[in-house]
Amino acid sequence: MSKGELGFYTSGMVADPLRTGADITINATATLLRDGKTVVTRTGLGDSQSAKGPKTFWAPVTASGAYTLKVHGYRHATGVPQPAGMMSTATDAAFSFHAGPASNAVPPAFLTRFLPDGLDLYNRVPAGRAAIVPLVMDRAGTQAGVPMWPAAVKKVEVFGSTDGGRSWHPLTVTGSGGSWTVKLPAQRAGASLSLSSRVTDTGGNRTVTTVYRAFTVA
């Protein structure tokens, strides 16, 4: 948030080892809402060959209110088929916070990084064994001269899906402050797991982070 605009870097929604912090196949759609009404929607963002817009979503903030930014990014490269077992096929992020034209700060958003223990080189956990997933609450400044909006995590909820996000089930989360973990029940071999977290801060602001096909079960 700076100079009456909100910006979000869409090309960083998936990170691969070959290019730290970005993936060359991301095509994203972003929508900004104020008090439940759409301010602007932009499609074709990112640095995929199929993306026609810029890498960063920009939107005007002309009035004070309750804002929600929703972003969906999926991997896509024109003429290049996706491998059948590819992980992290898409990610979602949603941020809810109060802001106005004079706001000059990185909003109180906590993007969740899921770090499953015991993955093999193919991002799989053994079948029939519960998995522990440490959660990292990530906040980082992205623009020089824009301060961090003060915020602290109050509540973390995590949901799991084995059907690609069509249905979600609550998972057990433990921890507080800066250390959180979630326990995933044992799954059958061949299952794929999607994860979604909902983080609420002490000011009532909320961030939802979703990774589709986060890992599979051997």
C-alpha atoms as a PDB file:
ATOM      1  CA  MET A   1       0.000   0.000   0.000  1.00  0.00           C
ATOM      2  CA  SER A   2       1.608   3.228  -1.153  1.00  0.00           C
ATOM      3  CA  LYS A   3       0.497   6.507  -2.733  1.00  0.00           C
ATOM      4  CA  GLY A   4      -3.135   5.440  -2.994  1.00  0.00           C
ATOM      5  CA  GLU A   5      -2.417   2.097  -4.649  1.00  0.00           C
ATOM      6  CA  LEU A   6      -2.230  -1.520  -3.567  1.00  0.00           C
ATOM      7  CA  GLY A   7       0.286  -3.792  -5.272  1.00  0.00           C
ATOM      8  CA  PHE A   8       0.744  -7.583  -5.279  1.00  0.00           C
ATOM      9  CA  TYR A   9       3.529  -9.451  -7.115  1.00  0.00           C
ATOM     10  CA  THR A  10       1.685 -12.337  -8.792  1.00  0.00           C
ATOM     11  CA  SER A  11       4.729 -14.065 -10.310  1.00  0.00           C
ATOM     12  CA  GLY A  12       5.944 -15.150  -6.870  1.00  0.00           C
ATOM     13  CA  MET A  13       2.945 -17.385  -6.152  1.00  0.00           C
ATOM     14  CA  VAL A  14       4.906 -20.572  -6.889  1.00  0.00           C
ATOM     15  CA  ALA A  15       8.636 -20.995  -6.321  1.00  0.00           C
ATOM     16  CA  ASP A  16      10.758 -23.689  -8.014  1.00  0.00           C
ATOM     17  CA  PRO A  17      14.415 -24.581  -7.322  1.00  0.00           C
ATOM     18  CA  LEU A  18      15.487 -23.436 -10.783  1.00  0.00           C
ATOM     19  CA  ARG A  19      14.353 -19.872 -10.180  1.00  0.00           C
ATOM     20  CA  THR A  20      14.150 -18.819  -6.563  1.00  0.00           C
ATOM     21  CA  GLY A  21      11.018 -16.848  -5.696  1.00  0.00           C
ATOM     22  CA  ALA A  22       9.165 -17.225  -8.991  1.00  0.00           C
ATOM     23  CA  ASP A  23       7.962 -19.688 -11.590  1.00  0.00           C
ATOM     24  CA  ILE A  24       7.925 -18.959 -15.319  1.00  0.00           C
ATOM     25  CA  THR A  25       4.540 -20.615 -15.821  1.00  0.00           C
ATOM     26  CA  ILE A  26       2.275 -18.556 -13.544  1.00  0.00           C
ATOM     27  CA  ASN A  27      -0.929 -17.042 -14.938  1.00  0.00           C
ATOM     28  CA  ALA A  28      -2.924 -15.175 -12.297  1.00  0.00           C
ATOM     29  CA  THR A  29      -6.231 -13.413 -11.735  1.00  0.00           C
ATOM     30  CA  ALA A  30      -6.573 -10.817  -8.969  1.00  0.00           C
ATOM     31  CA  THR A  31      -9.655  -9.055  -7.600  1.00  0.00           C
ATOM     32  CA  LEU A  32      -9.806  -6.215  -5.092  1.00  0.00           C
ATOM     33  CA  LEU A  33     -13.051  -5.659  -3.172  1.00  0.00           C
ATOM     34  CA  ARG A  34     -14.069  -2.818  -0.836  1.00  0.00           C
ATOM     35  CA  ASP A  35     -16.889  -3.439   1.630  1.00  0.00           C
ATOM     36  CA  GLY A  36     -17.842  -6.535  -0.364  1.00  0.00           C
ATOM     37  CA  LYS A  37     -18.058  -4.786  -3.763  1.00  0.00           C
ATOM     38  CA  THR A  38     -15.558  -5.339  -6.566  1.00  0.00           C
ATOM     39  CA  VAL A  39     -13.214  -2.412  -7.200  1.00  0.00           C
ATOM     40  CA  VAL A  40     -11.250  -4.017 -10.030  1.00  0.00           C
ATOM     41  CA  THR A  41     -10.427  -7.446 -11.477  1.00  0.00           C
ATOM     42  CA  ARG A  42      -7.385  -8.089 -13.635  1.00  0.00           C
ATOM     43  CA  THR A  43      -6.671 -11.310 -15.511  1.00  0.00           C
ATOM     44  CA  GLY A  44      -3.655 -12.674 -17.350  1.00  0.00           C
ATOM     45  CA  LEU A  45      -1.127 -11.462 -14.785  1.00  0.00           C
ATOM     46  CA  GLY A  46       2.235 -13.124 -14.211  1.00  0.00           C
ATOM     47  CA  ASP A  47       5.148 -14.198 -16.379  1.00  0.00           C
ATOM     48  CA  SER A  48       3.668 -17.185 -18.186  1.00  0.00           C
ATOM     49  CA  GLN A  49       3.695 -17.168 -21.971  1.00  0.00           C
ATOM     50  CA  SER A  50      -0.091 -17.081 -21.751  1.00  0.00           C
ATOM     51  CA  ALA A  51      -0.159 -14.088 -19.385  1.00  0.00           C
ATOM     52  CA  LYS A  52      -0.844 -10.814 -21.188  1.00  0.00           C
ATOM     53  CA  GLY A  53      -0.702  -8.427 -18.232  1.00  0.00           C
ATOM     54  CA  PRO A  54       2.090  -7.230 -15.939  1.00  0.00           C
ATOM     55  CA  LYS A  55       3.672  -9.330 -13.209  1.00  0.00           C
ATOM     56  CA  THR A  56       2.378  -7.036 -10.442  1.00  0.00           C
ATOM     57  CA  PHE A  57      -1.302  -6.348  -9.771  1.00  0.00           C
ATOM     58  CA  TRP A  58      -1.980  -2.686  -9.052  1.00  0.00           C
ATOM     59  CA  ALA A  59      -5.323  -1.256  -7.927  1.00  0.00           C
ATOM     60  CA  PRO A  60      -6.446   2.172  -6.723  1.00  0.00           C
ATOM     61  CA  VAL A  61      -7.444   2.733  -3.101  1.00  0.00           C
ATOM     62  CA  THR A  62      -9.629   5.830  -3.304  1.00  0.00           C
ATOM     63  CA  ALA A  63     -11.746   5.438  -0.155  1.00  0.00           C
ATOM     64  CA  SER A  64     -11.421   4.023   3.325  1.00  0.00           C
ATOM     65  CA  GLY A  65     -13.087   0.690   4.001  1.00  0.00           C
ATOM     66  CA  ALA A  66     -12.781  -3.040   4.540  1.00  0.00           C
ATOM     67  CA  TYR A  67     -10.704  -4.401   1.662  1.00  0.00           C
ATOM     68  CA  THR A  68     -10.266  -7.957   0.432  1.00  0.00           C
ATOM     69  CA  LEU A  69      -7.680  -8.933  -2.168  1.00  0.00           C
ATOM     70  CA  LYS A  70      -8.181 -12.338  -3.802  1.00  0.00           C
ATOM     71  CA  VAL A  71      -5.513 -13.831  -6.087  1.00  0.00           C
ATOM     72  CA  HIS A  72      -5.530 -17.164  -7.941  1.00  0.00           C
ATOM     73  CA  GLY A  73      -2.384 -18.276  -9.756  1.00  0.00           C
ATOM     74  CA  TYR A  74      -1.944 -21.455 -11.774  1.00  0.00           C
ATOM     75  CA  ARG A  75       0.925 -22.962 -13.714  1.00  0.00           C
ATOM     76  CA  HIS A  76       0.544 -22.707 -17.461  1.00  0.00           C
ATOM     77  CA  ALA A  77       2.973 -22.605 -20.363  1.00  0.00           C
ATOM     78  CA  THR A  78       1.616 -22.371 -23.907  1.00  0.00           C
ATOM     79  CA  GLY A  79       2.241 -25.609 -25.793  1.00  0.00           C
ATOM     80  CA  VAL A  80       3.913 -27.317 -22.826  1.00  0.00           C
ATOM     81  CA  PRO A  81       1.812 -30.076 -21.197  1.00  0.00           C
ATOM     82  CA  GLN A  82       1.945 -30.355 -17.430  1.00  0.00           C
ATOM     83  CA  PRO A  83       3.436 -33.589 -16.056  1.00  0.00           C
ATOM     84  CA  ALA A  84       0.719 -35.827 -14.601  1.00  0.00           C
ATOM     85  CA  GLY A  85       2.275 -35.853 -11.140  1.00  0.00           C
ATOM     86  CA  MET A  86       3.274 -32.179 -10.936  1.00  0.00           C
ATOM     87  CA  MET A  87       3.031 -30.625  -7.484  1.00  0.00           C
ATOM     88  CA  SER A  88       1.660 -27.179  -6.586  1.00  0.00           C
ATOM     89  CA  THR A  89      -0.463 -26.850  -9.695  1.00  0.00           C
ATOM     90  CA  ALA A  90      -2.149 -23.714  -8.326  1.00  0.00           C
ATOM     91  CA  THR A  91      -2.184 -21.424  -5.304  1.00  0.00           C
ATOM     92  CA  ASP A  92      -4.724 -19.010  -3.827  1.00  0.00           C
ATOM     93  CA  ALA A  93      -4.176 -16.059  -1.519  1.00  0.00           C
ATOM     94  CA  ALA A  94      -6.828 -13.846   0.082  1.00  0.00           C
ATOM     95  CA  PHE A  95      -6.173 -10.852   2.348  1.00  0.00           C
ATOM     96  CA  SER A  96      -8.798  -8.979   4.388  1.00  0.00           C
ATOM     97  CA  PHE A  97      -7.906  -5.692   6.122  1.00  0.00           C
ATOM     98  CA  HIS A  98      -8.981  -2.067   6.608  1.00  0.00           C
ATOM     99  CA  ALA A  99      -7.217   0.634   4.596  1.00  0.00           C
ATOM    100  CA  GLY A 100      -7.617   4.040   3.005  1.00  0.00           C
ATOM    101  CA  PRO A 101      -5.979   6.396   0.473  1.00  0.00           C
ATOM    102  CA  ALA A 102      -3.459   7.600   3.050  1.00  0.00           C
ATOM    103  CA  SER A 103      -2.342   4.091   4.053  1.00  0.00           C
ATOM    104  CA  ASN A 104       1.384   3.643   3.514  1.00  0.00           C
ATOM    105  CA  ALA A 105       2.431   0.211   4.764  1.00  0.00           C
ATOM    106  CA  VAL A 106       2.655  -3.479   3.934  1.00  0.00           C
ATOM    107  CA  PRO A 107      -0.821  -4.708   5.034  1.00  0.00           C
ATOM    108  CA  PRO A 108      -1.144  -7.098   7.999  1.00  0.00           C
ATOM    109  CA  ALA A 109      -0.925 -10.282   5.925  1.00  0.00           C
ATOM    110  CA  PHE A 110       0.655 -13.584   6.990  1.00  0.00           C
ATOM    111  CA  LEU A 111       1.265 -15.922   4.043  1.00  0.00           C
ATOM    112  CA  THR A 112       1.618 -19.491   5.300  1.00  0.00           C
ATOM    113  CA  ARG A 113       4.446 -21.747   4.160  1.00  0.00           C
ATOM    114  CA  PHE A 114       3.709 -25.457   4.621  1.00  0.00           C
ATOM    115  CA  LEU A 115       6.853 -27.496   5.374  1.00  0.00           C
ATOM    116  CA  PRO A 116       5.888 -31.219   5.659  1.00  0.00           C
ATOM    117  CA  ASP A 117       8.343 -33.408   7.557  1.00  0.00           C
ATOM    118  CA  GLY A 118       9.635 -36.621   5.976  1.00  0.00           C
ATOM    119  CA  LEU A 119       9.055 -35.918   2.272  1.00  0.00           C
ATOM    120  CA  ASP A 120      11.074 -37.954  -0.217  1.00  0.00           C
ATOM    121  CA  LEU A 121      12.639 -36.550  -3.397  1.00  0.00           C
ATOM    122  CA  TYR A 122       9.249 -36.800  -5.140  1.00  0.00           C
ATOM    123  CA  ASN A 123       7.408 -34.773  -2.476  1.00  0.00           C
ATOM    124  CA  ARG A 124       5.709 -37.858  -1.028  1.00  0.00           C
ATOM    125  CA  VAL A 125       5.031 -39.040   2.509  1.00  0.00           C
ATOM    126  CA  PRO A 126       4.654 -42.759   3.351  1.00  0.00           C
ATOM    127  CA  ALA A 127       1.140 -44.216   3.202  1.00  0.00           C
ATOM    128  CA  GLY A 128      -0.473 -45.151   6.491  1.00  0.00           C
ATOM    129  CA  ARG A 129       1.579 -42.706   8.530  1.00  0.00           C
ATOM    130  CA  ALA A 130       0.456 -39.421  10.047  1.00  0.00           C
ATOM    131  CA  ALA A 131       2.453 -36.401   8.905  1.00  0.00           C
ATOM    132  CA  ILE A 132       3.536 -33.340  10.865  1.00  0.00           C
ATOM    133  CA  VAL A 133       3.636 -30.051   8.947  1.00  0.00           C
ATOM    134  CA  PRO A 134       5.414 -27.053  10.524  1.00  0.00           C
ATOM    135  CA  LEU A 135       3.878 -23.742   9.463  1.00  0.00           C
ATOM    136  CA  VAL A 136       5.896 -20.594   8.771  1.00  0.00           C
ATOM    137  CA  MET A 137       4.044 -17.273   8.942  1.00  0.00           C
ATOM    138  CA  ASP A 138       5.754 -15.214   6.277  1.00  0.00           C
ATOM    139  CA  ARG A 139       5.768 -11.408   6.195  1.00  0.00           C
ATOM    140  CA  ALA A 140       8.216  -9.488   4.054  1.00  0.00           C
ATOM    141  CA  GLY A 141       8.478  -5.945   2.794  1.00  0.00           C
ATOM    142  CA  THR A 142       8.550  -5.635  -0.985  1.00  0.00           C
ATOM    143  CA  GLN A 143       9.071  -1.937  -1.674  1.00  0.00           C
ATOM    144  CA  ALA A 144      11.710   0.435  -0.358  1.00  0.00           C
ATOM    145  CA  GLY A 145      10.357   3.090   1.957  1.00  0.00           C
ATOM    146  CA  VAL A 146       7.100   1.254   2.769  1.00  0.00           C
ATOM    147  CA  PRO A 147       7.010   0.206   6.448  1.00  0.00           C
ATOM    148  CA  MET A 148       5.514  -2.992   7.843  1.00  0.00           C
ATOM    149  CA  TRP A 149       2.000  -2.625   9.246  1.00  0.00           C
ATOM    150  CA  PRO A 150       2.250  -3.788  12.915  1.00  0.00           C
ATOM    151  CA  ALA A 151       0.573  -7.184  13.320  1.00  0.00           C
ATOM    152  CA  ALA A 152       0.770 -10.340  15.414  1.00  0.00           C
ATOM    153  CA  VAL A 153      -0.787 -13.752  14.835  1.00  0.00           C
ATOM    154  CA  LYS A 154      -3.756 -14.559  17.075  1.00  0.00           C
ATOM    155  CA  LYS A 155      -5.340 -17.664  15.545  1.00  0.00           C
ATOM    156  CA  VAL A 156      -4.339 -20.250  12.930  1.00  0.00           C
ATOM    157  CA  GLU A 157      -6.746 -22.688  11.279  1.00  0.00           C
ATOM    158  CA  VAL A 158      -5.733 -25.285   8.689  1.00  0.00           C
ATOM    159  CA  PHE A 159      -7.872 -27.402   6.368  1.00  0.00           C
ATOM    160  CA  GLY A 160      -6.949 -30.379   4.194  1.00  0.00           C
ATOM    161  CA  SER A 161      -8.407 -31.757   0.970  1.00  0.00           C
ATOM    162  CA  THR A 162      -7.844 -35.042  -0.878  1.00  0.00           C
ATOM    163  CA  ASP A 163     -10.079 -34.200  -3.840  1.00  0.00           C
ATOM    164  CA  GLY A 164      -8.274 -31.196  -5.300  1.00  0.00           C
ATOM    165  CA  GLY A 165     -10.034 -28.606  -3.156  1.00  0.00           C
ATOM    166  CA  ARG A 166     -13.642 -29.597  -3.829  1.00  0.00           C
ATOM    167  CA  SER A 167     -14.143 -30.376  -0.135  1.00  0.00           C
ATOM    168  CA  TRP A 168     -12.128 -29.331   2.915  1.00  0.00           C
ATOM    169  CA  HIS A 169     -11.758 -30.839   6.395  1.00  0.00           C
ATOM    170  CA  PRO A 170     -10.396 -29.105   9.517  1.00  0.00           C
ATOM    171  CA  LEU A 171      -7.043 -30.329  10.839  1.00  0.00           C
ATOM    172  CA  THR A 172      -5.521 -30.179  14.308  1.00  0.00           C
ATOM    173  CA  VAL A 173      -3.250 -27.145  14.776  1.00  0.00           C
ATOM    174  CA  THR A 174      -0.974 -26.676  17.773  1.00  0.00           C
ATOM    175  CA  GLY A 175       1.273 -23.803  18.801  1.00  0.00           C
ATOM    176  CA  SER A 176       1.179 -20.088  19.456  1.00  0.00           C
ATOM    177  CA  GLY A 177       3.116 -16.918  18.704  1.00  0.00           C
ATOM    178  CA  GLY A 178       5.715 -17.709  16.050  1.00  0.00           C
ATOM    179  CA  SER A 179       5.620 -21.522  16.162  1.00  0.00           C
ATOM    180  CA  TRP A 180       2.747 -23.538  14.688  1.00  0.00           C
ATOM    181  CA  THR A 181       2.327 -27.100  13.422  1.00  0.00           C
ATOM    182  CA  VAL A 182      -0.518 -29.132  11.941  1.00  0.00           C
ATOM    183  CA  LYS A 183      -1.000 -32.894  12.093  1.00  0.00           C
ATOM    184  CA  LEU A 184      -2.291 -34.705   9.004  1.00  0.00           C
ATOM    185  CA  PRO A 185      -3.974 -38.094   9.504  1.00  0.00           C
ATOM    186  CA  ALA A 186      -2.556 -41.115   7.656  1.00  0.00           C
ATOM    187  CA  GLN A 187      -3.644 -41.416   4.018  1.00  0.00           C
ATOM    188  CA  ARG A 188      -3.808 -44.180   1.422  1.00  0.00           C
ATOM    189  CA  ALA A 189      -1.087 -44.577  -1.195  1.00  0.00           C
ATOM    190  CA  GLY A 190      -1.653 -42.435  -4.289  1.00  0.00           C
ATOM    191  CA  ALA A 191      -3.604 -39.700  -2.529  1.00  0.00           C
ATOM    192  CA  SER A 192      -2.729 -36.063  -3.133  1.00  0.00           C
ATOM    193  CA  LEU A 193      -3.129 -33.492  -0.378  1.00  0.00           C
ATOM    194  CA  SER A 194      -4.065 -29.832  -0.713  1.00  0.00           C
ATOM    195  CA  LEU A 195      -3.672 -27.500   2.259  1.00  0.00           C
ATOM    196  CA  SER A 196      -5.337 -24.219   3.184  1.00  0.00           C
ATOM    197  CA  SER A 197      -4.630 -22.009   6.189  1.00  0.00           C
ATOM    198  CA  ARG A 198      -6.639 -19.154   7.671  1.00  0.00           C
ATOM    199  CA  VAL A 199      -4.578 -16.797   9.832  1.00  0.00           C
ATOM    200  CA  THR A 200      -6.242 -14.107  11.946  1.00  0.00           C
ATOM    201  CA  ASP A 201      -4.169 -11.396  13.596  1.00  0.00           C
ATOM    202  CA  THR A 202      -4.805  -9.479  16.807  1.00  0.00           C
ATOM    203  CA  GLY A 203      -6.454  -6.673  14.816  1.00  0.00           C
ATOM    204  CA  GLY A 204      -9.027  -8.996  13.245  1.00  0.00           C
ATOM    205  CA  ASN A 205      -7.371  -8.978   9.796  1.00  0.00           C
ATOM    206  CA  ARG A 206      -7.295 -12.315   7.970  1.00  0.00           C
ATOM    207  CA  THR A 207      -5.126 -14.072   5.385  1.00  0.00           C
ATOM    208  CA  VAL A 208      -6.018 -17.310   3.603  1.00  0.00           C
ATOM    209  CA  THR A 209      -3.272 -19.275   1.816  1.00  0.00           C
ATOM    210  CA  THR A 210      -4.097 -22.358  -0.268  1.00  0.00           C
ATOM    211  CA  VAL A 211      -1.749 -24.747  -2.089  1.00  0.00           C
ATOM    212  CA  TYR A 212      -3.306 -27.340  -4.386  1.00  0.00           C
ATOM    213  CA  ARG A 213      -1.513 -30.709  -4.557  1.00  0.00           C
ATOM    214  CA  ALA A 214       0.975 -29.641  -1.916  1.00  0.00           C
ATOM    215  CA  PHE A 215       2.327 -33.220  -1.746  1.00  0.00           C
ATOM    216  CA  THR A 216       1.296 -36.807  -2.402  1.00  0.00           C
ATOM    217  CA  VAL A 217       1.347 -40.145  -0.547  1.00  0.00           C
ATOM    218  CA  ALA A 218       3.649 -42.983  -1.616  1.00  0.00           C
END
